[in-house]
Amino acid sequence: MRESKWNSLIEDVSSFCDKNGIVIPKMDEKYALGKSKCKSSIVTYFHRLYVEVFCATIDLQLSELNSRFSKVNTSLLLGMASLSPDDSFANYDKNKIMKLAIYYPNEFTASKLEDLSYELDSYMDYVREMDNAFSNLKGFGDLSKTLVKTNIHKTWRLIYLLVKLSLILPVATAMVERTFSSMKFIKNDLRSRIGDDFLNDCLVCFIEDEVFESVSNDAIIDRFQNMTTRRMQLK
């Protein structure tokens, strides 16, 4: 990005400045760093804009992304992007897809990984020939439907399995994050001594609130009443 996007960015900025009557400095002109021009360092406008602004901004963004996404998460995202059908499989990368499969050892044993490698080669040759069916797909949802519709999900079973795993991964990740968020909400400082069993029961009710809203209080009371002999009727 440092090499390929700089020129296009300068062209866009120059076009904007020309339209709005803004003076554009020449890149080889001197630029004084610091408030005092007498004591400041002298660099060119190119160094100032390219090194200290453009590249520094990219480095900052990369640092934020690296701190947010671990190596495993990055490999998962790259693998999913390589398997994605967007833009006629423009991001296809066999090696990254194989790395994605490695993170599912229960589904992809060593022998199945070899089979997957062969499947990917024939699969890509096929989908690129079938332009009408696979050229305008958006996301894994469209891809999975098309695989089933064309009945080739039975031919490339391992690829279809990987597509299904890619479909549920965002949902599973969101559910895990939601669960941990719920734990912080329920098990706060005032309830820090709550037992694991009771915590699990509370989490189920809190996370699956839409399901429990459909259960009436009378049904809960009746079930609790019938669990054992009570000294008194609850209703």
C-alpha atoms as a PDB file:
ATOM      1  CA  MET A   1       0.000   0.000   0.000  1.00  0.00           C
ATOM      2  CA  ARG A   2       2.884   2.356   0.725  1.00  0.00           C
ATOM      3  CA  GLU A   3       4.142   1.895  -2.820  1.00  0.00           C
ATOM      4  CA  SER A   4       0.933   1.525  -4.824  1.00  0.00           C
ATOM      5  CA  LYS A   5      -1.497   3.970  -3.195  1.00  0.00           C
ATOM      6  CA  TRP A   6       0.677   7.042  -2.689  1.00  0.00           C
ATOM      7  CA  ASN A   7       0.527   8.302  -6.284  1.00  0.00           C
ATOM      8  CA  SER A   8      -3.227   7.784  -6.591  1.00  0.00           C
ATOM      9  CA  LEU A   9      -3.755   9.604  -3.273  1.00  0.00           C
ATOM     10  CA  ILE A  10      -1.676  12.564  -4.449  1.00  0.00           C
ATOM     11  CA  GLU A  11      -3.685  12.698  -7.686  1.00  0.00           C
ATOM     12  CA  ASP A  12      -6.978  12.763  -5.775  1.00  0.00           C
ATOM     13  CA  VAL A  13      -5.742  15.449  -3.370  1.00  0.00           C
ATOM     14  CA  SER A  14      -4.326  17.563  -6.215  1.00  0.00           C
ATOM     15  CA  SER A  15      -7.617  17.330  -8.095  1.00  0.00           C
ATOM     16  CA  PHE A  16      -9.515  18.437  -4.984  1.00  0.00           C
ATOM     17  CA  CYS A  17      -7.140  21.368  -4.409  1.00  0.00           C
ATOM     18  CA  ASP A  18      -7.422  22.510  -8.040  1.00  0.00           C
ATOM     19  CA  LYS A  19     -11.219  22.521  -7.866  1.00  0.00           C
ATOM     20  CA  ASN A  20     -11.245  24.527  -4.631  1.00  0.00           C
ATOM     21  CA  GLY A  21      -8.436  26.996  -5.370  1.00  0.00           C
ATOM     22  CA  ILE A  22      -6.022  25.583  -2.787  1.00  0.00           C
ATOM     23  CA  VAL A  23      -2.302  26.129  -3.380  1.00  0.00           C
ATOM     24  CA  ILE A  24      -0.393  22.866  -3.781  1.00  0.00           C
ATOM     25  CA  PRO A  25       3.251  22.901  -2.596  1.00  0.00           C
ATOM     26  CA  LYS A  26       5.901  21.253  -4.741  1.00  0.00           C
ATOM     27  CA  MET A  27       7.144  17.984  -3.301  1.00  0.00           C
ATOM     28  CA  ASP A  28      10.823  18.972  -3.629  1.00  0.00           C
ATOM     29  CA  GLU A  29      10.385  22.303  -1.806  1.00  0.00           C
ATOM     30  CA  LYS A  30      11.787  22.690   1.701  1.00  0.00           C
ATOM     31  CA  TYR A  31       9.572  22.219   4.749  1.00  0.00           C
ATOM     32  CA  ALA A  32      10.621  23.430   8.205  1.00  0.00           C
ATOM     33  CA  LEU A  33       9.884  21.081  11.111  1.00  0.00           C
ATOM     34  CA  GLY A  34       9.049  22.781  14.407  1.00  0.00           C
ATOM     35  CA  LYS A  35       7.720  26.194  15.379  1.00  0.00           C
ATOM     36  CA  SER A  36      10.987  28.112  15.092  1.00  0.00           C
ATOM     37  CA  LYS A  37      12.313  28.129  11.531  1.00  0.00           C
ATOM     38  CA  CYS A  38      15.763  29.161  12.779  1.00  0.00           C
ATOM     39  CA  LYS A  39      16.183  26.085  14.993  1.00  0.00           C
ATOM     40  CA  SER A  40      14.022  23.637  13.088  1.00  0.00           C
ATOM     41  CA  SER A  41      15.139  20.782  10.855  1.00  0.00           C
ATOM     42  CA  ILE A  42      14.631  21.248   7.134  1.00  0.00           C
ATOM     43  CA  VAL A  43      13.081  18.466   5.066  1.00  0.00           C
ATOM     44  CA  THR A  44      11.186  18.364   1.788  1.00  0.00           C
ATOM     45  CA  TYR A  45       7.412  18.380   1.520  1.00  0.00           C
ATOM     46  CA  PHE A  46       7.669  14.863   0.094  1.00  0.00           C
ATOM     47  CA  HIS A  47       9.409  13.609   3.240  1.00  0.00           C
ATOM     48  CA  ARG A  48       6.912  15.395   5.450  1.00  0.00           C
ATOM     49  CA  LEU A  49       3.790  14.137   3.664  1.00  0.00           C
ATOM     50  CA  TYR A  50       4.963  10.687   2.616  1.00  0.00           C
ATOM     51  CA  VAL A  51       7.115   9.533   5.535  1.00  0.00           C
ATOM     52  CA  GLU A  52       5.729  11.444   8.510  1.00  0.00           C
ATOM     53  CA  VAL A  53       2.037  11.479   7.554  1.00  0.00           C
ATOM     54  CA  PHE A  54       1.177   8.796   4.979  1.00  0.00           C
ATOM     55  CA  CYS A  55       3.481   5.985   6.144  1.00  0.00           C
ATOM     56  CA  ALA A  56       3.041   6.884   9.814  1.00  0.00           C
ATOM     57  CA  THR A  57      -0.742   6.612   9.464  1.00  0.00           C
ATOM     58  CA  ILE A  58      -0.449   3.194   7.810  1.00  0.00           C
ATOM     59  CA  ASP A  59       1.910   1.992  10.559  1.00  0.00           C
ATOM     60  CA  LEU A  60      -0.528   3.198  13.217  1.00  0.00           C
ATOM     61  CA  GLN A  61      -3.417   1.354  11.577  1.00  0.00           C
ATOM     62  CA  LEU A  62      -1.351  -1.827  11.246  1.00  0.00           C
ATOM     63  CA  SER A  63      -0.364  -1.593  14.897  1.00  0.00           C
ATOM     64  CA  GLU A  64      -4.012  -1.276  15.939  1.00  0.00           C
ATOM     65  CA  LEU A  65      -5.024  -4.216  13.746  1.00  0.00           C
ATOM     66  CA  ASN A  66      -2.187  -6.401  15.067  1.00  0.00           C
ATOM     67  CA  SER A  67      -3.148  -5.638  18.660  1.00  0.00           C
ATOM     68  CA  ARG A  68      -6.799  -6.475  17.974  1.00  0.00           C
ATOM     69  CA  PHE A  69      -6.343  -9.601  15.831  1.00  0.00           C
ATOM     70  CA  SER A  70      -4.100 -12.471  16.873  1.00  0.00           C
ATOM     71  CA  LYS A  71      -2.152 -14.593  14.407  1.00  0.00           C
ATOM     72  CA  VAL A  72      -4.849 -17.260  14.507  1.00  0.00           C
ATOM     73  CA  ASN A  73      -7.648 -14.756  13.900  1.00  0.00           C
ATOM     74  CA  THR A  74      -5.745 -13.233  11.004  1.00  0.00           C
ATOM     75  CA  SER A  75      -5.188 -16.652   9.420  1.00  0.00           C
ATOM     76  CA  LEU A  76      -8.881 -17.447   9.786  1.00  0.00           C
ATOM     77  CA  LEU A  77      -9.927 -14.183   8.148  1.00  0.00           C
ATOM     78  CA  LEU A  78      -7.424 -14.566   5.303  1.00  0.00           C
ATOM     79  CA  GLY A  79      -8.539 -18.147   4.725  1.00  0.00           C
ATOM     80  CA  MET A  80     -12.186 -17.138   4.577  1.00  0.00           C
ATOM     81  CA  ALA A  81     -11.377 -14.276   2.207  1.00  0.00           C
ATOM     82  CA  SER A  82      -9.470 -16.665  -0.062  1.00  0.00           C
ATOM     83  CA  LEU A  83     -12.445 -19.040  -0.188  1.00  0.00           C
ATOM     84  CA  SER A  84     -14.973 -16.255  -0.748  1.00  0.00           C
ATOM     85  CA  PRO A  85     -16.711 -16.157  -4.169  1.00  0.00           C
ATOM     86  CA  ASP A  86     -16.750 -12.342  -4.314  1.00  0.00           C
ATOM     87  CA  ASP A  87     -15.585 -10.830  -7.627  1.00  0.00           C
ATOM     88  CA  SER A  88     -15.433 -14.271  -9.263  1.00  0.00           C
ATOM     89  CA  PHE A  89     -13.073 -15.703  -6.616  1.00  0.00           C
ATOM     90  CA  ALA A  90     -10.589 -12.864  -7.111  1.00  0.00           C
ATOM     91  CA  ASN A  91      -8.956 -13.468  -3.708  1.00  0.00           C
ATOM     92  CA  TYR A  92      -8.521 -17.226  -4.169  1.00  0.00           C
ATOM     93  CA  ASP A  93      -5.363 -18.510  -2.488  1.00  0.00           C
ATOM     94  CA  LYS A  94      -5.010 -22.254  -2.020  1.00  0.00           C
ATOM     95  CA  ASN A  95      -2.329 -22.040   0.686  1.00  0.00           C
ATOM     96  CA  LYS A  96      -4.430 -19.736   2.863  1.00  0.00           C
ATOM     97  CA  ILE A  97      -7.466 -21.998   2.467  1.00  0.00           C
ATOM     98  CA  MET A  98      -5.391 -25.004   3.545  1.00  0.00           C
ATOM     99  CA  LYS A  99      -4.253 -23.073   6.633  1.00  0.00           C
ATOM    100  CA  LEU A 100      -7.909 -22.358   7.400  1.00  0.00           C
ATOM    101  CA  ALA A 101      -8.712 -26.085   7.272  1.00  0.00           C
ATOM    102  CA  ILE A 102      -5.834 -26.899   9.638  1.00  0.00           C
ATOM    103  CA  TYR A 103      -7.630 -24.995  12.409  1.00  0.00           C
ATOM    104  CA  TYR A 104     -10.377 -27.653  12.298  1.00  0.00           C
ATOM    105  CA  PRO A 105      -8.426 -30.841  13.194  1.00  0.00           C
ATOM    106  CA  ASN A 106     -11.560 -32.799  14.109  1.00  0.00           C
ATOM    107  CA  GLU A 107     -13.040 -32.274  10.652  1.00  0.00           C
ATOM    108  CA  PHE A 108      -9.818 -32.308   8.616  1.00  0.00           C
ATOM    109  CA  THR A 109      -7.392 -35.091   9.457  1.00  0.00           C
ATOM    110  CA  ALA A 110      -4.067 -35.441   7.652  1.00  0.00           C
ATOM    111  CA  SER A 111      -5.593 -37.664   4.972  1.00  0.00           C
ATOM    112  CA  LYS A 112      -8.553 -35.332   4.482  1.00  0.00           C
ATOM    113  CA  LEU A 113      -6.208 -32.378   4.101  1.00  0.00           C
ATOM    114  CA  GLU A 114      -4.575 -34.178   1.190  1.00  0.00           C
ATOM    115  CA  ASP A 115      -7.993 -34.852  -0.319  1.00  0.00           C
ATOM    116  CA  LEU A 116      -8.932 -31.191   0.177  1.00  0.00           C
ATOM    117  CA  SER A 117      -5.830 -30.103  -1.723  1.00  0.00           C
ATOM    118  CA  TYR A 118      -6.873 -32.179  -4.743  1.00  0.00           C
ATOM    119  CA  GLU A 119     -10.473 -31.007  -4.455  1.00  0.00           C
ATOM    120  CA  LEU A 120      -9.466 -27.345  -4.522  1.00  0.00           C
ATOM    121  CA  ASP A 121      -7.616 -27.736  -7.814  1.00  0.00           C
ATOM    122  CA  SER A 122     -10.497 -29.370  -9.665  1.00  0.00           C
ATOM    123  CA  TYR A 123     -13.078 -27.195  -7.900  1.00  0.00           C
ATOM    124  CA  MET A 124     -11.543 -23.916  -9.052  1.00  0.00           C
ATOM    125  CA  ASP A 125     -11.205 -25.168 -12.629  1.00  0.00           C
ATOM    126  CA  TYR A 126     -14.889 -26.072 -12.592  1.00  0.00           C
ATOM    127  CA  VAL A 127     -16.331 -22.884 -11.052  1.00  0.00           C
ATOM    128  CA  ARG A 128     -14.284 -20.668 -13.361  1.00  0.00           C
ATOM    129  CA  GLU A 129     -15.703 -22.498 -16.360  1.00  0.00           C
ATOM    130  CA  MET A 130     -19.260 -22.161 -15.024  1.00  0.00           C
ATOM    131  CA  ASP A 131     -19.346 -18.354 -15.342  1.00  0.00           C
ATOM    132  CA  ASN A 132     -23.121 -18.016 -15.313  1.00  0.00           C
ATOM    133  CA  ALA A 133     -23.590 -19.911 -12.073  1.00  0.00           C
ATOM    134  CA  PHE A 134     -20.658 -18.595 -10.008  1.00  0.00           C
ATOM    135  CA  SER A 135     -19.660 -15.206 -11.437  1.00  0.00           C
ATOM    136  CA  ASN A 136     -22.041 -12.950  -9.485  1.00  0.00           C
ATOM    137  CA  LEU A 137     -22.049 -14.609  -6.080  1.00  0.00           C
ATOM    138  CA  LYS A 138     -21.809 -12.485  -2.928  1.00  0.00           C
ATOM    139  CA  GLY A 139     -20.599 -14.158   0.242  1.00  0.00           C
ATOM    140  CA  PHE A 140     -20.692 -17.707   1.545  1.00  0.00           C
ATOM    141  CA  GLY A 141     -24.477 -17.755   1.729  1.00  0.00           C
ATOM    142  CA  ASP A 142     -24.805 -17.461  -2.043  1.00  0.00           C
ATOM    143  CA  LEU A 143     -21.949 -19.908  -2.566  1.00  0.00           C
ATOM    144  CA  SER A 144     -23.463 -22.619  -0.372  1.00  0.00           C
ATOM    145  CA  LYS A 145     -26.857 -22.261  -2.077  1.00  0.00           C
ATOM    146  CA  THR A 146     -25.292 -22.511  -5.523  1.00  0.00           C
ATOM    147  CA  LEU A 147     -23.236 -25.563  -4.560  1.00  0.00           C
ATOM    148  CA  VAL A 148     -26.410 -27.320  -3.446  1.00  0.00           C
ATOM    149  CA  LYS A 149     -28.469 -26.063  -6.390  1.00  0.00           C
ATOM    150  CA  THR A 150     -25.937 -27.369  -8.910  1.00  0.00           C
ATOM    151  CA  ASN A 151     -25.609 -30.574  -6.850  1.00  0.00           C
ATOM    152  CA  ILE A 152     -21.814 -30.335  -6.753  1.00  0.00           C
ATOM    153  CA  HIS A 153     -21.707 -30.159  -2.952  1.00  0.00           C
ATOM    154  CA  LYS A 154     -21.694 -33.970  -3.107  1.00  0.00           C
ATOM    155  CA  THR A 155     -18.705 -33.986  -5.433  1.00  0.00           C
ATOM    156  CA  TRP A 156     -16.551 -31.629  -3.387  1.00  0.00           C
ATOM    157  CA  ARG A 157     -17.748 -32.546   0.095  1.00  0.00           C
ATOM    158  CA  LEU A 158     -14.715 -31.194   1.938  1.00  0.00           C
ATOM    159  CA  ILE A 159     -14.958 -27.806   0.248  1.00  0.00           C
ATOM    160  CA  TYR A 160     -18.656 -27.664   1.063  1.00  0.00           C
ATOM    161  CA  LEU A 161     -17.821 -28.527   4.684  1.00  0.00           C
ATOM    162  CA  LEU A 162     -15.294 -25.688   4.805  1.00  0.00           C
ATOM    163  CA  VAL A 163     -17.878 -23.298   3.354  1.00  0.00           C
ATOM    164  CA  LYS A 164     -20.351 -24.289   6.087  1.00  0.00           C
ATOM    165  CA  LEU A 165     -17.706 -23.806   8.779  1.00  0.00           C
ATOM    166  CA  SER A 166     -16.944 -20.357   7.359  1.00  0.00           C
ATOM    167  CA  LEU A 167     -20.645 -19.533   7.508  1.00  0.00           C
ATOM    168  CA  ILE A 168     -21.007 -20.346  11.206  1.00  0.00           C
ATOM    169  CA  LEU A 169     -17.653 -18.915  12.344  1.00  0.00           C
ATOM    170  CA  PRO A 170     -18.848 -15.270  12.653  1.00  0.00           C
ATOM    171  CA  VAL A 171     -21.951 -16.428  14.534  1.00  0.00           C
ATOM    172  CA  ALA A 172     -19.925 -18.616  16.892  1.00  0.00           C
ATOM    173  CA  THR A 173     -17.430 -15.811  17.538  1.00  0.00           C
ATOM    174  CA  ALA A 174     -20.206 -13.320  18.256  1.00  0.00           C
ATOM    175  CA  MET A 175     -21.881 -15.797  20.621  1.00  0.00           C
ATOM    176  CA  VAL A 176     -18.645 -16.295  22.579  1.00  0.00           C
ATOM    177  CA  GLU A 177     -18.143 -12.528  22.900  1.00  0.00           C
ATOM    178  CA  ARG A 178     -21.769 -12.103  23.947  1.00  0.00           C
ATOM    179  CA  THR A 179     -21.372 -14.821  26.581  1.00  0.00           C
ATOM    180  CA  PHE A 180     -18.298 -13.203  28.135  1.00  0.00           C
ATOM    181  CA  SER A 181     -20.052  -9.836  28.103  1.00  0.00           C
ATOM    182  CA  SER A 182     -23.014 -11.420  29.881  1.00  0.00           C
ATOM    183  CA  MET A 183     -20.714 -12.977  32.481  1.00  0.00           C
ATOM    184  CA  LYS A 184     -19.302  -9.544  33.311  1.00  0.00           C
ATOM    185  CA  PHE A 185     -22.837  -8.168  33.617  1.00  0.00           C
ATOM    186  CA  ILE A 186     -24.084 -10.950  35.898  1.00  0.00           C
ATOM    187  CA  LYS A 187     -20.974 -11.752  37.911  1.00  0.00           C
ATOM    188  CA  ASN A 188     -20.141  -8.239  39.069  1.00  0.00           C
ATOM    189  CA  ASP A 189     -18.386  -7.143  42.242  1.00  0.00           C
ATOM    190  CA  LEU A 190     -21.517  -7.575  44.379  1.00  0.00           C
ATOM    191  CA  ARG A 191     -21.970 -11.158  43.171  1.00  0.00           C
ATOM    192  CA  SER A 192     -18.345 -12.188  42.857  1.00  0.00           C
ATOM    193  CA  ARG A 193     -18.937 -15.271  45.031  1.00  0.00           C
ATOM    194  CA  ILE A 194     -21.665 -16.700  42.835  1.00  0.00           C
ATOM    195  CA  GLY A 195     -21.295 -20.442  42.233  1.00  0.00           C
ATOM    196  CA  ASP A 196     -20.547 -21.889  38.803  1.00  0.00           C
ATOM    197  CA  ASP A 197     -23.805 -23.855  38.582  1.00  0.00           C
ATOM    198  CA  PHE A 198     -25.924 -20.862  39.530  1.00  0.00           C
ATOM    199  CA  LEU A 199     -23.890 -18.678  37.172  1.00  0.00           C
ATOM    200  CA  ASN A 200     -24.528 -21.082  34.288  1.00  0.00           C
ATOM    201  CA  ASP A 201     -28.266 -21.069  35.015  1.00  0.00           C
ATOM    202  CA  CYS A 202     -28.333 -17.273  35.086  1.00  0.00           C
ATOM    203  CA  LEU A 203     -26.342 -17.055  31.855  1.00  0.00           C
ATOM    204  CA  VAL A 204     -28.739 -19.351  30.020  1.00  0.00           C
ATOM    205  CA  CYS A 205     -31.683 -17.175  31.038  1.00  0.00           C
ATOM    206  CA  PHE A 206     -29.843 -13.952  30.212  1.00  0.00           C
ATOM    207  CA  ILE A 207     -28.405 -15.016  26.837  1.00  0.00           C
ATOM    208  CA  GLU A 208     -31.506 -16.847  25.587  1.00  0.00           C
ATOM    209  CA  ASP A 209     -33.868 -14.107  26.735  1.00  0.00           C
ATOM    210  CA  GLU A 210     -35.986 -14.305  23.578  1.00  0.00           C
ATOM    211  CA  VAL A 211     -36.740 -17.972  24.270  1.00  0.00           C
ATOM    212  CA  PHE A 212     -37.567 -17.416  27.934  1.00  0.00           C
ATOM    213  CA  GLU A 213     -39.886 -14.525  27.120  1.00  0.00           C
ATOM    214  CA  SER A 214     -42.186 -17.065  25.466  1.00  0.00           C
ATOM    215  CA  VAL A 215     -42.368 -19.168  28.660  1.00  0.00           C
ATOM    216  CA  SER A 216     -45.152 -18.109  31.014  1.00  0.00           C
ATOM    217  CA  ASN A 217     -44.680 -17.688  34.760  1.00  0.00           C
ATOM    218  CA  ASP A 218     -47.412 -20.256  35.398  1.00  0.00           C
ATOM    219  CA  ALA A 219     -45.502 -22.878  33.424  1.00  0.00           C
ATOM    220  CA  ILE A 220     -42.362 -22.203  35.479  1.00  0.00           C
ATOM    221  CA  ILE A 221     -44.299 -22.378  38.764  1.00  0.00           C
ATOM    222  CA  ASP A 222     -45.999 -25.641  37.761  1.00  0.00           C
ATOM    223  CA  ARG A 223     -42.686 -27.223  36.799  1.00  0.00           C
ATOM    224  CA  PHE A 224     -41.060 -26.112  40.059  1.00  0.00           C
ATOM    225  CA  GLN A 225     -44.082 -27.351  42.047  1.00  0.00           C
ATOM    226  CA  ASN A 226     -43.933 -30.809  40.450  1.00  0.00           C
ATOM    227  CA  MET A 227     -40.210 -31.292  40.969  1.00  0.00           C
ATOM    228  CA  THR A 228     -40.765 -32.494  44.553  1.00  0.00           C
ATOM    229  CA  THR A 229     -43.347 -32.556  47.323  1.00  0.00           C
ATOM    230  CA  ARG A 230     -43.981 -29.073  48.720  1.00  0.00           C
ATOM    231  CA  ARG A 231     -45.474 -28.071  52.047  1.00  0.00           C
ATOM    232  CA  MET A 232     -47.684 -25.564  50.322  1.00  0.00           C
ATOM    233  CA  GLN A 233     -49.062 -24.771  46.915  1.00  0.00           C
ATOM    234  CA  LEU A 234     -47.258 -21.953  45.109  1.00  0.00           C
ATOM    235  CA  LYS A 235     -50.452 -20.791  43.410  1.00  0.00           C
END
